[in-house]
């Protein structure tokens, strides 16, 4: 599930725990959590994907939806610590040009 950690006011890091997949099976709950967090104006949310080794089309949809919500509310949504398998998919879909992605976990 998604664990959110507020480091500073408005700056939040989210990490997916207890799974290495973002798929149709767990996407609805994660999407709800991300949307609820990003609805607040000015939030800076970084999603740490260090544990995620596989994302299906529904999982990609969750990330796109979160980015769209962030833009609509004046918030910021970033990805960090993306595994090679997932980064390959993002590059294939040219989503690496849309998302703000920090490779290093220290940038999360």
PDB file of N, CA and C in Angstrom:
ATOM      1  N   UNK A   1       0.823  -1.188   0.000  1.00  0.00           N
ATOM      2  CA  UNK A   1       0.000   0.000   0.000  1.00  0.00           C
ATOM      3  C   UNK A   1       0.868   1.253   0.000  1.00  0.00           C
ATOM      4  N   UNK A   2       0.228   2.376  -0.214  1.00  0.00           N
ATOM      5  CA  UNK A   2       0.933   3.647  -0.279  1.00  0.00           C
ATOM      6  C   UNK A   2       1.097   4.236   1.111  1.00  0.00           C
ATOM      7  N   UNK A   3       2.335   4.518   1.457  1.00  0.00           N
ATOM      8  CA  UNK A   3       2.631   5.172   2.735  1.00  0.00           C
ATOM      9  C   UNK A   3       3.101   6.585   2.424  1.00  0.00           C
ATOM     10  N   UNK A   4       2.454   7.570   3.032  1.00  0.00           N
ATOM     11  CA  UNK A   4       2.811   8.967   2.813  1.00  0.00           C
ATOM     12  C   UNK A   4       3.534   9.512   4.031  1.00  0.00           C
ATOM     13  N   UNK A   5       4.652  10.192   3.793  1.00  0.00           N
ATOM     14  CA  UNK A   5       5.451  10.762   4.864  1.00  0.00           C
ATOM     15  C   UNK A   5       5.613  12.250   4.579  1.00  0.00           C
ATOM     16  N   UNK A   6       5.073  13.091   5.454  1.00  0.00           N
ATOM     17  CA  UNK A   6       5.222  14.540   5.273  1.00  0.00           C
ATOM     18  C   UNK A   6       6.521  14.964   5.943  1.00  0.00           C
ATOM     19  N   UNK A   7       7.435  15.461   5.129  1.00  0.00           N
ATOM     20  CA  UNK A   7       8.736  15.867   5.642  1.00  0.00           C
ATOM     21  C   UNK A   7       8.714  17.315   6.092  1.00  0.00           C
ATOM     22  N   UNK A   8       8.079  18.137   5.318  1.00  0.00           N
ATOM     23  CA  UNK A   8       7.922  19.549   5.630  1.00  0.00           C
ATOM     24  C   UNK A   8       6.506  19.907   5.223  1.00  0.00           C
ATOM     25  N   UNK A   9       6.042  21.034   5.684  1.00  0.00           N
ATOM     26  CA  UNK A   9       4.679  21.445   5.326  1.00  0.00           C
ATOM     27  C   UNK A   9       4.538  21.501   3.799  1.00  0.00           C
ATOM     28  N   UNK A  10       3.651  20.666   3.282  1.00  0.00           N
ATOM     29  CA  UNK A  10       3.377  20.639   1.853  1.00  0.00           C
ATOM     30  C   UNK A  10       4.310  19.763   1.044  1.00  0.00           C
ATOM     31  N   UNK A  11       5.415  19.307   1.625  1.00  0.00           N
ATOM     32  CA  UNK A  11       6.353  18.438   0.905  1.00  0.00           C
ATOM     33  C   UNK A  11       6.187  17.016   1.428  1.00  0.00           C
ATOM     34  N   UNK A  12       5.751  16.127   0.547  1.00  0.00           N
ATOM     35  CA  UNK A  12       5.396  14.768   0.954  1.00  0.00           C
ATOM     36  C   UNK A  12       6.122  13.761   0.070  1.00  0.00           C
ATOM     37  N   UNK A  13       6.601  12.698   0.674  1.00  0.00           N
ATOM     38  CA  UNK A  13       7.160  11.579  -0.069  1.00  0.00           C
ATOM     39  C   UNK A  13       6.252  10.382   0.134  1.00  0.00           C
ATOM     40  N   UNK A  14       5.881   9.755  -0.951  1.00  0.00           N
ATOM     41  CA  UNK A  14       5.069   8.552  -0.889  1.00  0.00           C
ATOM     42  C   UNK A  14       5.888   7.370  -1.353  1.00  0.00           C
ATOM     43  N   UNK A  15       5.684   6.241  -0.720  1.00  0.00           N
ATOM     44  CA  UNK A  15       6.382   5.022  -1.122  1.00  0.00           C
ATOM     45  C   UNK A  15       5.393   3.862  -1.102  1.00  0.00           C
ATOM     46  N   UNK A  16       5.502   3.023  -2.099  1.00  0.00           N
ATOM     47  CA  UNK A  16       4.640   1.855  -2.170  1.00  0.00           C
ATOM     48  C   UNK A  16       5.300   0.721  -1.395  1.00  0.00           C
ATOM     49  N   UNK A  17       4.630   0.293  -0.346  1.00  0.00           N
ATOM     50  CA  UNK A  17       5.143  -0.755   0.538  1.00  0.00           C
ATOM     51  C   UNK A  17       4.416  -2.076   0.262  1.00  0.00           C
ATOM     52  N   UNK A  18       5.002  -3.158   0.659  1.00  0.00           N
ATOM     53  CA  UNK A  18       4.386  -4.488   0.625  1.00  0.00           C
ATOM     54  C   UNK A  18       4.031  -4.980  -0.770  1.00  0.00           C
ATOM     55  N   UNK A  19       4.624  -4.399  -1.797  1.00  0.00           N
ATOM     56  CA  UNK A  19       4.391  -4.874  -3.155  1.00  0.00           C
ATOM     57  C   UNK A  19       5.544  -4.442  -4.041  1.00  0.00           C
ATOM     58  N   UNK A  20       5.753  -5.171  -5.115  1.00  0.00           N
ATOM     59  CA  UNK A  20       6.742  -4.756  -6.103  1.00  0.00           C
ATOM     60  C   UNK A  20       6.075  -4.512  -7.456  1.00  0.00           C
ATOM     61  N   UNK A  21       4.724  -4.372  -7.418  1.00  0.00           N
ATOM     62  CA  UNK A  21       3.945  -4.188  -8.638  1.00  0.00           C
ATOM     63  C   UNK A  21       2.913  -3.079  -8.452  1.00  0.00           C
ATOM     64  N   UNK A  22       2.701  -2.322  -9.507  1.00  0.00           N
ATOM     65  CA  UNK A  22       1.613  -1.350  -9.550  1.00  0.00           C
ATOM     66  C   UNK A  22       0.724  -1.798 -10.709  1.00  0.00           C
ATOM     67  N   UNK A  23      -0.341  -2.506 -10.367  1.00  0.00           N
ATOM     68  CA  UNK A  23      -1.199  -3.134 -11.367  1.00  0.00           C
ATOM     69  C   UNK A  23      -2.666  -2.859 -11.060  1.00  0.00           C
ATOM     70  N   UNK A  24      -3.522  -3.401 -11.899  1.00  0.00           N
ATOM     71  CA  UNK A  24      -4.968  -3.245 -11.717  1.00  0.00           C
ATOM     72  C   UNK A  24      -5.417  -3.753 -10.349  1.00  0.00           C
ATOM     73  N   UNK A  25      -4.693  -4.681  -9.778  1.00  0.00           N
ATOM     74  CA  UNK A  25      -5.070  -5.257  -8.485  1.00  0.00           C
ATOM     75  C   UNK A  25      -4.960  -4.251  -7.336  1.00  0.00           C
ATOM     76  N   UNK A  26      -3.955  -3.399  -7.369  1.00  0.00           N
ATOM     77  CA  UNK A  26      -3.769  -2.455  -6.257  1.00  0.00           C
ATOM     78  C   UNK A  26      -3.911  -0.990  -6.668  1.00  0.00           C
ATOM     79  N   UNK A  27      -4.119  -0.741  -7.942  1.00  0.00           N
ATOM     80  CA  UNK A  27      -4.170   0.625  -8.450  1.00  0.00           C
ATOM     81  C   UNK A  27      -5.296   1.490  -7.883  1.00  0.00           C
ATOM     82  N   UNK A  28      -6.521   0.988  -7.718  1.00  0.00           N
ATOM     83  CA  UNK A  28      -7.595   1.873  -7.253  1.00  0.00           C
ATOM     84  C   UNK A  28      -7.304   2.553  -5.907  1.00  0.00           C
ATOM     85  N   UNK A  29      -6.819   1.816  -4.948  1.00  0.00           N
ATOM     86  CA  UNK A  29      -6.518   2.394  -3.639  1.00  0.00           C
ATOM     87  C   UNK A  29      -5.380   3.391  -3.710  1.00  0.00           C
ATOM     88  N   UNK A  30      -4.369   3.078  -4.496  1.00  0.00           N
ATOM     89  CA  UNK A  30      -3.223   3.976  -4.643  1.00  0.00           C
ATOM     90  C   UNK A  30      -3.658   5.257  -5.348  1.00  0.00           C
ATOM     91  N   UNK A  31      -4.483   5.107  -6.378  1.00  0.00           N
ATOM     92  CA  UNK A  31      -4.984   6.284  -7.095  1.00  0.00           C
ATOM     93  C   UNK A  31      -5.784   7.186  -6.156  1.00  0.00           C
ATOM     94  N   UNK A  32      -6.645   6.597  -5.349  1.00  0.00           N
ATOM     95  CA  UNK A  32      -7.438   7.380  -4.398  1.00  0.00           C
ATOM     96  C   UNK A  32      -6.546   8.157  -3.438  1.00  0.00           C
ATOM     97  N   UNK A  33      -5.518   7.495  -2.904  1.00  0.00           N
ATOM     98  CA  UNK A  33      -4.593   8.153  -1.975  1.00  0.00           C
ATOM     99  C   UNK A  33      -3.837   9.301  -2.642  1.00  0.00           C
ATOM    100  N   UNK A  34      -3.349   9.061  -3.857  1.00  0.00           N
ATOM    101  CA  UNK A  34      -2.611  10.100  -4.570  1.00  0.00           C
ATOM    102  C   UNK A  34      -3.517  11.287  -4.893  1.00  0.00           C
ATOM    103  N   UNK A  35      -4.718  11.001  -5.390  1.00  0.00           N
ATOM    104  CA  UNK A  35      -5.654  12.066  -5.753  1.00  0.00           C
ATOM    105  C   UNK A  35      -6.023  12.904  -4.537  1.00  0.00           C
ATOM    106  N   UNK A  36      -6.328  12.245  -3.433  1.00  0.00           N
ATOM    107  CA  UNK A  36      -6.704  12.962  -2.207  1.00  0.00           C
ATOM    108  C   UNK A  36      -5.568  13.879  -1.744  1.00  0.00           C
ATOM    109  N   UNK A  37      -4.354  13.394  -1.819  1.00  0.00           N
ATOM    110  CA  UNK A  37      -3.192  14.184  -1.395  1.00  0.00           C
ATOM    111  C   UNK A  37      -2.955  15.363  -2.330  1.00  0.00           C
ATOM    112  N   UNK A  38      -3.066  15.127  -3.632  1.00  0.00           N
ATOM    113  CA  UNK A  38      -2.764  16.165  -4.612  1.00  0.00           C
ATOM    114  C   UNK A  38      -3.882  17.184  -4.795  1.00  0.00           C
ATOM    115  N   UNK A  39      -5.036  16.936  -4.205  1.00  0.00           N
ATOM    116  CA  UNK A  39      -6.144  17.895  -4.291  1.00  0.00           C
ATOM    117  C   UNK A  39      -5.832  19.178  -3.531  1.00  0.00           C
ATOM    118  N   UNK A  40      -4.941  19.082  -2.556  1.00  0.00           N
ATOM    119  CA  UNK A  40      -4.577  20.251  -1.752  1.00  0.00           C
ATOM    120  C   UNK A  40      -3.617  21.118  -2.556  1.00  0.00           C
ATOM    121  N   UNK A  41      -3.973  22.362  -2.733  1.00  0.00           N
ATOM    122  CA  UNK A  41      -3.173  23.283  -3.541  1.00  0.00           C
ATOM    123  C   UNK A  41      -1.765  23.439  -2.965  1.00  0.00           C
ATOM    124  N   UNK A  42      -0.789  23.379  -3.856  1.00  0.00           N
ATOM    125  CA  UNK A  42       0.589  23.642  -3.473  1.00  0.00           C
ATOM    126  C   UNK A  42       1.360  22.462  -2.891  1.00  0.00           C
ATOM    127  N   UNK A  43       0.754  21.292  -2.882  1.00  0.00           N
ATOM    128  CA  UNK A  43       1.440  20.111  -2.354  1.00  0.00           C
ATOM    129  C   UNK A  43       2.563  19.711  -3.311  1.00  0.00           C
ATOM    130  N   UNK A  44       3.671  19.297  -2.746  1.00  0.00           N
ATOM    131  CA  UNK A  44       4.784  18.753  -3.520  1.00  0.00           C
ATOM    132  C   UNK A  44       4.915  17.283  -3.142  1.00  0.00           C
ATOM    133  N   UNK A  45       4.450  16.402  -4.030  1.00  0.00           N
ATOM    134  CA  UNK A  45       4.458  14.965  -3.752  1.00  0.00           C
ATOM    135  C   UNK A  45       5.471  14.268  -4.637  1.00  0.00           C
ATOM    136  N   UNK A  46       6.371  13.553  -4.005  1.00  0.00           N
ATOM    137  CA  UNK A  46       7.338  12.729  -4.720  1.00  0.00           C
ATOM    138  C   UNK A  46       7.011  11.276  -4.429  1.00  0.00           C
ATOM    139  N   UNK A  47       6.793  10.500  -5.482  1.00  0.00           N
ATOM    140  CA  UNK A  47       6.473   9.085  -5.326  1.00  0.00           C
ATOM    141  C   UNK A  47       7.739   8.270  -5.549  1.00  0.00           C
ATOM    142  N   UNK A  48       8.189   7.604  -4.494  1.00  0.00           N
ATOM    143  CA  UNK A  48       9.383   6.772  -4.530  1.00  0.00           C
ATOM    144  C   UNK A  48       8.983   5.391  -5.058  1.00  0.00           C
ATOM    145  N   UNK A  49       9.544   5.017  -6.205  1.00  0.00           N
ATOM    146  CA  UNK A  49       9.203   3.743  -6.844  1.00  0.00           C
ATOM    147  C   UNK A  49      10.313   2.698  -6.697  1.00  0.00           C
ATOM    148  N   UNK A  50      11.141   2.836  -5.662  1.00  0.00           N
ATOM    149  CA  UNK A  50      12.282   1.922  -5.514  1.00  0.00           C
ATOM    150  C   UNK A  50      11.869   0.458  -5.390  1.00  0.00           C
ATOM    151  N   UNK A  51      10.674   0.188  -4.872  1.00  0.00           N
ATOM    152  CA  UNK A  51      10.228  -1.192  -4.689  1.00  0.00           C
ATOM    153  C   UNK A  51       9.485  -1.751  -5.897  1.00  0.00           C
ATOM    154  N   UNK A  52       9.161  -0.905  -6.869  1.00  0.00           N
ATOM    155  CA  UNK A  52       8.302  -1.313  -7.975  1.00  0.00           C
ATOM    156  C   UNK A  52       9.136  -1.809  -9.160  1.00  0.00           C
ATOM    157  N   UNK A  53       8.908  -3.063  -9.521  1.00  0.00           N
ATOM    158  CA  UNK A  53       9.626  -3.679 -10.631  1.00  0.00           C
ATOM    159  C   UNK A  53       8.734  -3.902 -11.849  1.00  0.00           C
ATOM    160  N   UNK A  54       7.407  -3.746 -11.662  1.00  0.00           N
ATOM    161  CA  UNK A  54       6.475  -3.968 -12.769  1.00  0.00           C
ATOM    162  C   UNK A  54       5.287  -3.024 -12.647  1.00  0.00           C
ATOM    163  N   UNK A  55       4.940  -2.401 -13.762  1.00  0.00           N
ATOM    164  CA  UNK A  55       3.748  -1.555 -13.841  1.00  0.00           C
ATOM    165  C   UNK A  55       2.981  -1.963 -15.083  1.00  0.00           C
ATOM    166  N   UNK A  56       1.671  -2.197 -14.925  1.00  0.00           N
ATOM    167  CA  UNK A  56       0.843  -2.487 -16.094  1.00  0.00           C
ATOM    168  C   UNK A  56       0.165  -1.207 -16.574  1.00  0.00           C
ATOM    169  N   UNK A  57      -0.699  -1.316 -17.570  1.00  0.00           N
ATOM    170  CA  UNK A  57      -1.332  -0.130 -18.144  1.00  0.00           C
ATOM    171  C   UNK A  57      -2.198   0.610 -17.129  1.00  0.00           C
ATOM    172  N   UNK A  58      -2.823  -0.110 -16.223  1.00  0.00           N
ATOM    173  CA  UNK A  58      -3.626   0.542 -15.187  1.00  0.00           C
ATOM    174  C   UNK A  58      -2.723   1.341 -14.251  1.00  0.00           C
ATOM    175  N   UNK A  59      -1.575   0.793 -13.902  1.00  0.00           N
ATOM    176  CA  UNK A  59      -0.617   1.502 -13.062  1.00  0.00           C
ATOM    177  C   UNK A  59      -0.094   2.761 -13.735  1.00  0.00           C
ATOM    178  N   UNK A  60       0.175   2.686 -15.033  1.00  0.00           N
ATOM    179  CA  UNK A  60       0.592   3.869 -15.794  1.00  0.00           C
ATOM    180  C   UNK A  60      -0.523   4.913 -15.748  1.00  0.00           C
ATOM    181  N   UNK A  61      -1.760   4.452 -15.877  1.00  0.00           N
ATOM    182  CA  UNK A  61      -2.906   5.362 -15.800  1.00  0.00           C
ATOM    183  C   UNK A  61      -2.987   6.077 -14.467  1.00  0.00           C
ATOM    184  N   UNK A  62      -2.643   5.384 -13.383  1.00  0.00           N
ATOM    185  CA  UNK A  62      -2.641   5.995 -12.047  1.00  0.00           C
ATOM    186  C   UNK A  62      -1.618   7.125 -11.991  1.00  0.00           C
ATOM    187  N   UNK A  63      -0.434   6.892 -12.534  1.00  0.00           N
ATOM    188  CA  UNK A  63       0.614   7.921 -12.520  1.00  0.00           C
ATOM    189  C   UNK A  63       0.204   9.132 -13.360  1.00  0.00           C
ATOM    190  N   UNK A  64      -0.388   8.876 -14.530  1.00  0.00           N
ATOM    191  CA  UNK A  64      -0.838   9.968 -15.395  1.00  0.00           C
ATOM    192  C   UNK A  64      -1.962  10.750 -14.720  1.00  0.00           C
ATOM    193  N   UNK A  65      -2.876  10.042 -14.088  1.00  0.00           N
ATOM    194  CA  UNK A  65      -3.980  10.690 -13.378  1.00  0.00           C
ATOM    195  C   UNK A  65      -3.457  11.573 -12.255  1.00  0.00           C
ATOM    196  N   UNK A  66      -2.462  11.089 -11.520  1.00  0.00           N
ATOM    197  CA  UNK A  66      -1.874  11.880 -10.431  1.00  0.00           C
ATOM    198  C   UNK A  66      -1.220  13.145 -10.976  1.00  0.00           C
ATOM    199  N   UNK A  67      -0.523  13.025 -12.095  1.00  0.00           N
ATOM    200  CA  UNK A  67       0.122  14.186 -12.705  1.00  0.00           C
ATOM    201  C   UNK A  67      -0.934  15.199 -13.161  1.00  0.00           C
ATOM    202  N   UNK A  68      -2.007  14.720 -13.750  1.00  0.00           N
ATOM    203  CA  UNK A  68      -3.092  15.590 -14.201  1.00  0.00           C
ATOM    204  C   UNK A  68      -3.740  16.315 -13.018  1.00  0.00           C
ATOM    205  N   UNK A  69      -4.002  15.586 -11.943  1.00  0.00           N
ATOM    206  CA  UNK A  69      -4.581  16.198 -10.738  1.00  0.00           C
ATOM    207  C   UNK A  69      -3.650  17.271 -10.188  1.00  0.00           C
ATOM    208  N   UNK A  70      -2.363  16.977 -10.155  1.00  0.00           N
ATOM    209  CA  UNK A  70      -1.386  17.950  -9.651  1.00  0.00           C
ATOM    210  C   UNK A  70      -1.413  19.226 -10.481  1.00  0.00           C
ATOM    211  N   UNK A  71      -1.447  19.089 -11.787  1.00  0.00           N
ATOM    212  CA  UNK A  71      -1.467  20.278 -12.648  1.00  0.00           C
ATOM    213  C   UNK A  71      -2.744  21.075 -12.470  1.00  0.00           C
ATOM    214  N   UNK A  72      -3.863  20.398 -12.274  1.00  0.00           N
ATOM    215  CA  UNK A  72      -5.148  21.081 -12.111  1.00  0.00           C
ATOM    216  C   UNK A  72      -5.231  21.846 -10.798  1.00  0.00           C
ATOM    217  N   UNK A  73      -4.539  21.376  -9.780  1.00  0.00           N
ATOM    218  CA  UNK A  73      -4.641  21.990  -8.455  1.00  0.00           C
ATOM    219  C   UNK A  73      -3.443  22.860  -8.095  1.00  0.00           C
ATOM    220  N   UNK A  74      -2.502  23.013  -9.001  1.00  0.00           N
ATOM    221  CA  UNK A  74      -1.322  23.820  -8.708  1.00  0.00           C
ATOM    222  C   UNK A  74      -0.351  23.115  -7.785  1.00  0.00           C
ATOM    223  N   UNK A  75      -0.420  21.799  -7.773  1.00  0.00           N
ATOM    224  CA  UNK A  75       0.505  21.006  -6.969  1.00  0.00           C
ATOM    225  C   UNK A  75       1.626  20.484  -7.861  1.00  0.00           C
ATOM    226  N   UNK A  76       2.520  19.706  -7.286  1.00  0.00           N
ATOM    227  CA  UNK A  76       3.663  19.178  -8.010  1.00  0.00           C
ATOM    228  C   UNK A  76       3.759  17.678  -7.744  1.00  0.00           C
ATOM    229  N   UNK A  77       3.954  16.880  -8.791  1.00  0.00           N
ATOM    230  CA  UNK A  77       4.063  15.429  -8.668  1.00  0.00           C
ATOM    231  C   UNK A  77       5.321  14.970  -9.380  1.00  0.00           C
ATOM    232  N   UNK A  78       6.197  14.295  -8.637  1.00  0.00           N
ATOM    233  CA  UNK A  78       7.458  13.777  -9.182  1.00  0.00           C
ATOM    234  C   UNK A  78       7.572  12.289  -8.910  1.00  0.00           C
ATOM    235  N   UNK A  79       8.427  11.646  -9.666  1.00  0.00           N
ATOM    236  CA  UNK A  79       8.783  10.247  -9.434  1.00  0.00           C
ATOM    237  C   UNK A  79      10.264  10.199  -9.091  1.00  0.00           C
ATOM    238  N   UNK A  80      10.644   9.232  -8.257  1.00  0.00           N
ATOM    239  CA  UNK A  80      12.067   9.057  -7.980  1.00  0.00           C
ATOM    240  C   UNK A  80      12.392   7.590  -7.759  1.00  0.00           C
ATOM    241  N   UNK A  81      13.669   7.279  -7.839  1.00  0.00           N
ATOM    242  CA  UNK A  81      14.206   5.932  -7.610  1.00  0.00           C
ATOM    243  C   UNK A  81      13.487   4.897  -8.462  1.00  0.00           C
ATOM    244  N   UNK A  82      13.287   5.215  -9.735  1.00  0.00           N
ATOM    245  CA  UNK A  82      12.579   4.326 -10.656  1.00  0.00           C
ATOM    246  C   UNK A  82      13.510   3.187 -11.084  1.00  0.00           C
ATOM    247  N   UNK A  83      13.040   1.965 -10.920  1.00  0.00           N
ATOM    248  CA  UNK A  83      13.806   0.777 -11.303  1.00  0.00           C
ATOM    249  C   UNK A  83      13.991   0.730 -12.828  1.00  0.00           C
ATOM    250  N   UNK A  84      15.039   0.064 -13.287  1.00  0.00           N
ATOM    251  CA  UNK A  84      15.361   0.009 -14.712  1.00  0.00           C
ATOM    252  C   UNK A  84      14.209  -0.540 -15.556  1.00  0.00           C
ATOM    253  N   UNK A  85      13.541  -1.582 -15.057  1.00  0.00           N
ATOM    254  CA  UNK A  85      12.445  -2.202 -15.815  1.00  0.00           C
ATOM    255  C   UNK A  85      11.313  -1.205 -16.040  1.00  0.00           C
ATOM    256  N   UNK A  86      10.996  -0.460 -15.014  1.00  0.00           N
ATOM    257  CA  UNK A  86       9.919   0.530 -15.094  1.00  0.00           C
ATOM    258  C   UNK A  86      10.368   1.714 -15.937  1.00  0.00           C
ATOM    259  N   UNK A  87      11.601   2.146 -15.790  1.00  0.00           N
ATOM    260  CA  UNK A  87      12.110   3.272 -16.576  1.00  0.00           C
ATOM    261  C   UNK A  87      12.108   2.936 -18.066  1.00  0.00           C
ATOM    262  N   UNK A  88      12.416   1.698 -18.398  1.00  0.00           N
ATOM    263  CA  UNK A  88      12.377   1.275 -19.804  1.00  0.00           C
ATOM    264  C   UNK A  88      10.975   1.450 -20.378  1.00  0.00           C
ATOM    265  N   UNK A  89       9.973   1.081 -19.604  1.00  0.00           N
ATOM    266  CA  UNK A  89       8.587   1.236 -20.043  1.00  0.00           C
ATOM    267  C   UNK A  89       8.226   2.714 -20.187  1.00  0.00           C
ATOM    268  N   UNK A  90       8.606   3.527 -19.212  1.00  0.00           N
ATOM    269  CA  UNK A  90       8.320   4.957 -19.283  1.00  0.00           C
ATOM    270  C   UNK A  90       8.990   5.588 -20.503  1.00  0.00           C
ATOM    271  N   UNK A  91      10.210   5.174 -20.800  1.00  0.00           N
ATOM    272  CA  UNK A  91      10.911   5.697 -21.974  1.00  0.00           C
ATOM    273  C   UNK A  91      10.250   5.231 -23.264  1.00  0.00           C
ATOM    274  N   UNK A  92       9.847   3.976 -23.310  1.00  0.00           N
ATOM    275  CA  UNK A  92       9.175   3.424 -24.488  1.00  0.00           C
ATOM    276  C   UNK A  92       7.900   4.212 -24.802  1.00  0.00           C
ATOM    277  N   UNK A  93       7.196   4.595 -23.748  1.00  0.00           N
ATOM    278  CA  UNK A  93       5.945   5.342 -23.913  1.00  0.00           C
ATOM    279  C   UNK A  93       6.187   6.856 -23.963  1.00  0.00           C
ATOM    280  N   UNK A  94       7.471   7.264 -23.916  1.00  0.00           N
ATOM    281  CA  UNK A  94       7.887   8.665 -23.908  1.00  0.00           C
ATOM    282  C   UNK A  94       7.332   9.437 -22.710  1.00  0.00           C
ATOM    283  N   UNK A  95       7.007   8.729 -21.656  1.00  0.00           N
ATOM    284  CA  UNK A  95       6.511   9.370 -20.439  1.00  0.00           C
ATOM    285  C   UNK A  95       7.648   9.945 -19.608  1.00  0.00           C
ATOM    286  N   UNK A  96       8.875   9.533 -19.905  1.00  0.00           N
ATOM    287  CA  UNK A  96      10.029  10.115 -19.214  1.00  0.00           C
ATOM    288  C   UNK A  96      10.186  11.595 -19.577  1.00  0.00           C
ATOM    289  N   UNK A  97       9.549  12.006 -20.682  1.00  0.00           N
ATOM    290  CA  UNK A  97       9.588  13.404 -21.099  1.00  0.00           C
ATOM    291  C   UNK A  97       8.463  14.215 -20.451  1.00  0.00           C
ATOM    292  N   UNK A  98       7.492  13.527 -19.871  1.00  0.00           N
ATOM    293  CA  UNK A  98       6.331  14.187 -19.267  1.00  0.00           C
ATOM    294  C   UNK A  98       6.508  14.311 -17.752  1.00  0.00           C
ATOM    295  N   UNK A  99       6.989  13.232 -17.135  1.00  0.00           N
ATOM    296  CA  UNK A  99       7.162  13.220 -15.683  1.00  0.00           C
ATOM    297  C   UNK A  99       8.498  13.837 -15.291  1.00  0.00           C
ATOM    298  N   UNK A 100       8.512  14.474 -14.130  1.00  0.00           N
ATOM    299  CA  UNK A 100       9.745  14.930 -13.514  1.00  0.00           C
ATOM    300  C   UNK A 100      10.277  13.727 -12.741  1.00  0.00           C
ATOM    301  N   UNK A 101      11.397  13.160 -13.203  1.00  0.00           N
ATOM    302  CA  UNK A 101      11.919  11.924 -12.621  1.00  0.00           C
ATOM    303  C   UNK A 101      13.328  12.159 -12.094  1.00  0.00           C
ATOM    304  N   UNK A 102      13.506  11.859 -10.818  1.00  0.00           N
ATOM    305  CA  UNK A 102      14.827  11.870 -10.194  1.00  0.00           C
ATOM    306  C   UNK A 102      15.245  10.426  -9.981  1.00  0.00           C
ATOM    307  N   UNK A 103      16.386  10.048 -10.515  1.00  0.00           N
ATOM    308  CA  UNK A 103      16.821   8.653 -10.406  1.00  0.00           C
ATOM    309  C   UNK A 103      17.288   8.292  -9.003  1.00  0.00           C
ATOM    310  N   UNK A 104      17.917   9.218  -8.328  1.00  0.00           N
ATOM    311  CA  UNK A 104      18.502   8.933  -7.039  1.00  0.00           C
ATOM    312  C   UNK A 104      17.451   8.948  -5.928  1.00  0.00           C
ATOM    313  N   UNK A 105      17.551   7.990  -5.032  1.00  0.00           N
ATOM    314  CA  UNK A 105      16.626   7.953  -3.889  1.00  0.00           C
ATOM    315  C   UNK A 105      16.884   9.138  -2.954  1.00  0.00           C
ATOM    316  N   UNK A 106      18.095   9.641  -2.939  1.00  0.00           N
ATOM    317  CA  UNK A 106      18.391  10.791  -2.090  1.00  0.00           C
ATOM    318  C   UNK A 106      17.669  12.052  -2.567  1.00  0.00           C
ATOM    319  N   UNK A 107      17.195  12.050  -3.816  1.00  0.00           N
ATOM    320  CA  UNK A 107      16.440  13.180  -4.346  1.00  0.00           C
ATOM    321  C   UNK A 107      14.946  13.073  -4.055  1.00  0.00           C
ATOM    322  N   UNK A 108      14.547  12.009  -3.396  1.00  0.00           N
ATOM    323  CA  UNK A 108      13.123  11.804  -3.099  1.00  0.00           C
ATOM    324  C   UNK A 108      12.645  12.764  -2.033  1.00  0.00           C
TER     325      UNK A 108
END
